[in-house]
Amino acid sequence: MQKVARLDMPRKSSIFDGFAVIWCVVFGLFIVIAPVMACPTTCHCMEKSGKTVVQCISRNLDIIPPDLPSDTVILLLASNHITHIPNQAFKELHYLQELDLSNNDIDTVDLGAFQGVSDTLLFLDLSNNRIQSVPKEAFERLRAKISLSNNPWHCECMLQEVLRELRLDPETVNEVMCHTAVQEEYAGKPVIQVLDSGINFCNFHHKTTDVAMFITMFGWFTMVIAYVIYYVRHNQEDARRHLEYLKSLPSNSHISKDFDTISTVL
């Protein structure tokens, strides 16, 4: 019996060791996978065709969630109340291909808003927001197809330079309208249509600057001329008063003749 007992002990030990190894593997996988698969409480995360989709549509969000899964491929943030896209808002999303920010209240896009996703992003939807202008650097090196329709764009030089570098969505390109413009006659017209007609908003910018400089210089010149005229007239009046005073003093005929000569000159 003692021999049998001695033979069973290694078998039980190996079983326990096997369970320990399995438990460690499972726990280790959980630790590795958990941060990647974490989903914001305000969103719904799912797998679709092998891609991680994070759906945060109509969740009353006023900021972009900071705890998005790092393996997110499609991020849907439409129909919220987001007003601002800050610098490096998506820098941890190295696999992001589609980003929908349509139907929000966005009016500000920072310079580095899309840093970190410029190489992977394929489609960006910023339609139906409140964007009037964006810095050119915001879309720098962005290869994605972009929808900018139905925003209150102010058509001027900066917008022209931004659009020159972008791949606009052909289905919505004619809905990118000039809400206001440096020349009022272009308000209410599609931006691309205006630019294709040969209009250069940057020329208007330079002309406006030149006119402002001309008006400023003309103002200064007018002030200088007015001062000179005032100075001359003021000195003439002083000279006349001084002459009248001298005339009132007793004098000989020679001095009177000199006075008459001075009077003639003045």
Protein backbone atom coordinates (compact mmCIF):
# COMPACT_ATOMS: atom_id res chain seq x y z
CA MET A 1 0.00 0.00 0.00
CA GLN A 2 2.78 2.35 0.76
CA LYS A 3 4.30 1.73 -2.67
CA VAL A 4 1.01 2.49 -4.38
CA ALA A 5 0.68 5.70 -2.41
CA ARG A 6 4.15 6.73 -3.47
CA LEU A 7 3.25 6.09 -7.14
CA ASP A 8 0.05 8.22 -6.96
CA MET A 9 1.71 11.30 -5.55
CA PRO A 10 3.62 12.33 -8.74
CA ARG A 11 0.41 11.85 -10.79
CA LYS A 12 -1.58 14.27 -8.58
CA SER A 13 1.27 16.76 -8.66
CA SER A 14 1.38 16.71 -12.48
CA ILE A 15 -2.39 17.30 -12.64
CA PHE A 16 -2.12 20.32 -10.35
CA ASP A 17 0.79 21.63 -12.40
CA GLY A 18 -1.28 21.28 -15.58
CA PHE A 19 -4.16 23.29 -14.11
CA ALA A 20 -1.71 25.95 -12.94
CA VAL A 21 -0.22 26.29 -16.43
CA ILE A 22 -3.66 26.56 -18.06
CA TRP A 23 -4.80 29.13 -15.49
CA CYS A 24 -1.68 31.23 -16.04
CA VAL A 25 -2.12 31.15 -19.81
CA VAL A 26 -5.78 32.18 -19.61
CA PHE A 27 -5.07 34.90 -17.08
CA GLY A 28 -2.15 36.17 -19.14
CA LEU A 29 -4.28 36.33 -22.28
CA PHE A 30 -6.94 38.23 -20.36
CA ILE A 31 -4.39 40.79 -19.20
CA VAL A 32 -3.05 41.24 -22.74
CA ILE A 33 -6.43 41.35 -24.49
CA ALA A 34 -8.46 43.32 -21.94
CA PRO A 35 -6.92 46.76 -22.63
CA VAL A 36 -7.35 46.28 -26.38
CA MET A 37 -10.97 45.17 -26.13
CA ALA A 38 -12.02 47.75 -23.53
CA CYS A 39 -15.04 49.72 -24.73
CA PRO A 40 -16.25 53.11 -23.44
CA THR A 41 -19.39 52.80 -21.36
CA THR A 42 -21.17 55.30 -23.61
CA CYS A 43 -20.45 53.30 -26.78
CA HIS A 44 -21.11 49.88 -28.25
CA CYS A 45 -18.18 47.86 -29.59
CA MET A 46 -18.49 44.94 -31.99
CA GLU A 47 -16.60 42.90 -34.55
CA LYS A 48 -17.70 43.24 -38.17
CA SER A 49 -15.91 41.37 -40.96
CA GLY A 50 -12.90 41.04 -38.68
CA LYS A 51 -12.80 44.78 -37.92
CA THR A 52 -13.43 46.45 -34.57
CA VAL A 53 -16.34 48.87 -34.89
CA VAL A 54 -16.98 51.39 -32.10
CA GLN A 55 -20.49 52.79 -32.36
CA CYS A 56 -21.11 55.98 -30.36
CA ILE A 57 -23.95 57.48 -32.43
CA SER A 58 -26.52 59.70 -30.64
CA ARG A 59 -25.03 59.26 -27.17
CA ASN A 60 -25.16 62.96 -26.14
CA LEU A 61 -21.37 63.17 -26.15
CA ASP A 62 -19.82 66.62 -25.97
CA ILE A 63 -16.22 65.39 -26.23
CA ILE A 64 -14.47 62.58 -28.08
CA PRO A 65 -14.21 59.60 -25.69
CA PRO A 66 -10.61 59.27 -24.45
CA ASP A 67 -10.70 55.51 -23.73
CA LEU A 68 -11.33 54.10 -27.20
CA PRO A 69 -10.00 50.60 -28.02
CA SER A 70 -6.60 50.81 -29.65
CA ASP A 71 -7.61 48.29 -32.35
CA THR A 72 -10.56 50.42 -33.53
CA VAL A 73 -10.95 50.35 -37.30
CA ILE A 74 -14.31 52.11 -37.67
CA LEU A 75 -15.30 54.88 -35.25
CA LEU A 76 -18.83 56.28 -35.47
CA LEU A 77 -19.36 59.49 -33.47
CA ALA A 78 -22.19 61.01 -35.51
CA SER A 79 -25.19 62.92 -34.10
CA ASN A 80 -23.67 64.09 -30.84
CA HIS A 81 -22.79 67.51 -29.42
CA ILE A 82 -19.02 67.48 -29.94
CA THR A 83 -17.72 71.02 -30.54
CA HIS A 84 -13.95 70.60 -30.71
CA ILE A 85 -11.42 68.18 -32.21
CA PRO A 86 -8.28 68.62 -30.08
CA ASN A 87 -4.70 67.89 -30.99
CA GLN A 88 -3.88 64.16 -31.35
CA ALA A 89 -7.45 63.15 -30.51
CA PHE A 90 -6.97 59.77 -32.24
CA LYS A 91 -3.22 59.22 -31.87
CA GLU A 92 -3.62 55.81 -30.17
CA LEU A 93 -5.89 54.42 -32.91
CA HIS A 94 -3.19 53.03 -35.20
CA TYR A 95 -5.65 50.95 -37.25
CA LEU A 96 -8.35 53.58 -37.74
CA GLN A 97 -9.71 53.59 -41.30
CA GLU A 98 -13.13 55.23 -41.06
CA LEU A 99 -14.11 58.18 -38.86
CA ASP A 100 -17.63 59.63 -38.83
CA LEU A 101 -18.03 62.96 -37.00
CA SER A 102 -21.03 64.19 -38.96
CA ASN A 103 -24.03 65.97 -37.44
CA ASN A 104 -22.21 67.41 -34.44
CA ASP A 105 -21.56 71.00 -33.33
CA ILE A 106 -17.88 71.09 -34.30
CA ASP A 107 -16.59 74.61 -34.90
CA THR A 108 -12.91 74.20 -34.02
CA VAL A 109 -10.35 71.78 -35.48
CA ASP A 110 -6.87 72.00 -33.97
CA LEU A 111 -3.67 71.92 -36.02
CA GLY A 112 -2.76 68.38 -34.98
CA ALA A 113 -6.28 66.97 -34.75
CA PHE A 114 -5.54 63.97 -36.99
CA GLN A 115 -1.92 63.35 -36.13
CA GLY A 116 -1.25 59.63 -35.80
CA VAL A 117 -3.96 58.47 -38.23
CA SER A 118 -2.94 60.26 -41.43
CA ASP A 119 -1.40 57.08 -42.87
CA THR A 120 -4.28 54.71 -42.10
CA LEU A 121 -7.44 56.81 -42.36
CA LEU A 122 -9.40 56.16 -45.56
CA PHE A 123 -12.63 58.10 -44.98
CA LEU A 124 -13.42 61.15 -42.82
CA ASP A 125 -16.90 62.64 -42.51
CA LEU A 126 -17.13 66.17 -41.08
CA SER A 127 -20.40 67.10 -42.77
CA ASN A 128 -23.25 68.94 -41.05
CA ASN A 129 -21.20 70.75 -38.44
CA ARG A 130 -20.44 74.42 -37.71
CA ILE A 131 -16.98 74.71 -39.22
CA GLN A 132 -16.22 78.07 -40.86
CA SER A 133 -12.50 77.60 -41.39
CA VAL A 134 -9.72 75.16 -40.58
CA PRO A 135 -5.94 75.59 -40.48
CA LYS A 136 -4.17 74.08 -43.46
CA GLU A 137 -1.99 71.97 -41.14
CA ALA A 138 -5.03 70.14 -39.72
CA PHE A 139 -5.30 67.93 -42.83
CA GLU A 140 -1.59 67.77 -43.56
CA ARG A 141 -0.54 64.43 -45.17
CA LEU A 142 -4.11 63.13 -44.83
CA ARG A 143 -4.87 60.72 -47.66
CA ALA A 144 -8.47 60.02 -46.70
CA LYS A 145 -11.51 60.87 -48.78
CA ILE A 146 -13.23 63.69 -46.90
CA SER A 147 -16.79 64.99 -46.72
CA LEU A 148 -17.02 68.68 -45.70
CA SER A 149 -20.56 69.38 -46.89
CA ASN A 150 -23.17 71.49 -45.09
CA ASN A 151 -20.84 73.60 -42.98
CA PRO A 152 -21.00 77.44 -42.81
CA TRP A 153 -17.72 77.90 -44.69
CA HIS A 154 -16.16 81.34 -45.06
CA CYS A 155 -14.66 81.40 -48.54
CA GLU A 156 -11.27 83.08 -48.46
CA CYS A 157 -7.63 82.35 -49.14
CA MET A 158 -7.07 79.85 -46.31
CA LEU A 159 -10.01 77.67 -47.32
CA GLN A 160 -8.84 77.69 -50.93
CA GLU A 161 -5.39 76.46 -49.87
CA VAL A 162 -6.93 73.76 -47.64
CA LEU A 163 -9.19 72.40 -50.38
CA ARG A 164 -6.31 72.28 -52.84
CA GLU A 165 -4.63 69.55 -50.74
CA LEU A 166 -7.70 67.39 -50.01
CA ARG A 167 -9.47 64.45 -51.64
CA LEU A 168 -13.06 65.63 -51.37
CA ASP A 169 -15.87 63.09 -51.48
CA PRO A 170 -17.21 63.38 -55.06
CA GLU A 171 -20.76 62.59 -53.91
CA THR A 172 -20.92 65.62 -51.61
CA VAL A 173 -18.40 68.03 -53.16
CA ASN A 174 -21.13 70.31 -54.58
CA GLU A 175 -22.62 70.65 -51.09
CA VAL A 176 -19.52 72.44 -49.81
CA MET A 177 -20.99 75.94 -50.00
CA CYS A 178 -19.73 79.46 -49.36
CA HIS A 179 -21.85 80.62 -46.45
CA THR A 180 -19.91 83.90 -46.42
CA ALA A 181 -17.05 85.12 -48.61
CA VAL A 182 -14.49 87.89 -48.98
CA GLN A 183 -16.65 88.98 -51.92
CA GLU A 184 -20.36 88.80 -51.03
CA GLU A 185 -21.33 87.88 -54.58
CA TYR A 186 -19.95 84.37 -54.00
CA ALA A 187 -21.97 83.66 -50.83
CA GLY A 188 -24.41 80.81 -51.32
CA LYS A 189 -22.46 79.23 -54.16
CA PRO A 190 -20.57 75.90 -54.19
CA VAL A 191 -16.90 76.50 -53.37
CA ILE A 192 -15.60 74.21 -56.12
CA GLN A 193 -17.83 75.89 -58.70
CA VAL A 194 -16.45 79.31 -57.74
CA LEU A 195 -12.83 78.11 -57.83
CA ASP A 196 -13.33 76.28 -61.13
CA SER A 197 -14.58 79.54 -62.66
CA GLY A 198 -11.09 80.98 -62.17
CA ILE A 199 -11.73 82.96 -59.00
CA ASN A 200 -8.70 83.23 -56.71
CA PHE A 201 -9.62 84.20 -53.15
CA CYS A 202 -5.97 84.81 -52.33
CA ASN A 203 -5.91 87.65 -54.85
CA PHE A 204 -8.80 89.30 -53.01
CA HIS A 205 -6.85 88.97 -49.81
CA HIS A 206 -3.81 90.72 -51.29
CA LYS A 207 -5.94 93.44 -52.88
CA THR A 208 -7.71 94.10 -49.60
CA THR A 209 -4.36 94.39 -47.83
CA ASP A 210 -3.01 96.75 -50.50
CA VAL A 211 -6.07 98.99 -50.27
CA ALA A 212 -5.81 99.11 -46.48
CA MET A 213 -2.13 100.08 -46.71
CA PHE A 214 -2.91 102.76 -49.31
CA ILE A 215 -5.67 104.24 -47.15
CA THR A 216 -3.37 104.27 -44.11
CA MET A 217 -0.54 105.95 -46.02
CA PHE A 218 -2.95 108.50 -47.53
CA GLY A 219 -4.23 109.29 -44.04
CA TRP A 220 -0.75 109.90 -42.70
CA PHE A 221 0.15 112.04 -45.73
CA THR A 222 -3.00 114.15 -45.27
CA MET A 223 -2.17 114.69 -41.60
CA VAL A 224 1.38 115.86 -42.48
CA ILE A 225 0.11 118.29 -45.14
CA ALA A 226 -2.52 119.66 -42.77
CA TYR A 227 0.12 120.22 -40.09
CA VAL A 228 2.42 122.04 -42.52
CA ILE A 229 -0.41 124.32 -43.70
CA TYR A 230 -1.39 125.03 -40.10
CA TYR A 231 2.23 125.77 -39.18
CA VAL A 232 2.72 128.20 -42.09
CA ARG A 233 -0.53 130.03 -41.46
CA HIS A 234 0.15 130.27 -37.76
CA ASN A 235 3.60 131.80 -38.41
CA GLN A 236 2.11 134.27 -40.90
CA GLU A 237 -0.38 135.47 -38.34
CA ASP A 238 2.39 135.91 -35.77
CA ALA A 239 4.46 137.89 -38.27
CA ARG A 240 1.55 140.16 -39.11
CA ARG A 241 0.79 140.82 -35.48
CA HIS A 242 4.45 141.59 -34.85
CA LEU A 243 4.51 143.97 -37.83
CA GLU A 244 1.42 145.79 -36.64
CA TYR A 245 3.05 146.23 -33.28
CA LEU A 246 6.19 147.69 -34.86
CA LYS A 247 4.15 150.06 -36.97
CA SER A 248 2.45 151.39 -33.86
CA LEU A 249 5.80 152.45 -32.42
CA PRO A 250 7.30 155.96 -33.15
CA SER A 251 9.64 155.65 -36.14
CA ASN A 252 11.44 157.74 -38.77
CA SER A 253 10.52 157.72 -42.45
CA HIS A 254 13.29 155.25 -43.35
CA ILE A 255 12.01 152.66 -40.93
CA SER A 256 8.49 153.25 -42.24
CA LYS A 257 9.70 152.51 -45.75
CA ASP A 258 11.24 149.28 -44.51
CA PHE A 259 8.00 148.38 -42.84
CA ASP A 260 6.15 149.06 -46.05
CA THR A 261 8.55 146.79 -47.89
CA ILE A 262 8.04 144.00 -45.32
CA SER A 263 4.27 144.49 -45.54
CA THR A 264 4.43 144.14 -49.30
CA VAL A 265 6.36 140.88 -48.96
CA LEU A 266 3.87 139.46 -46.45
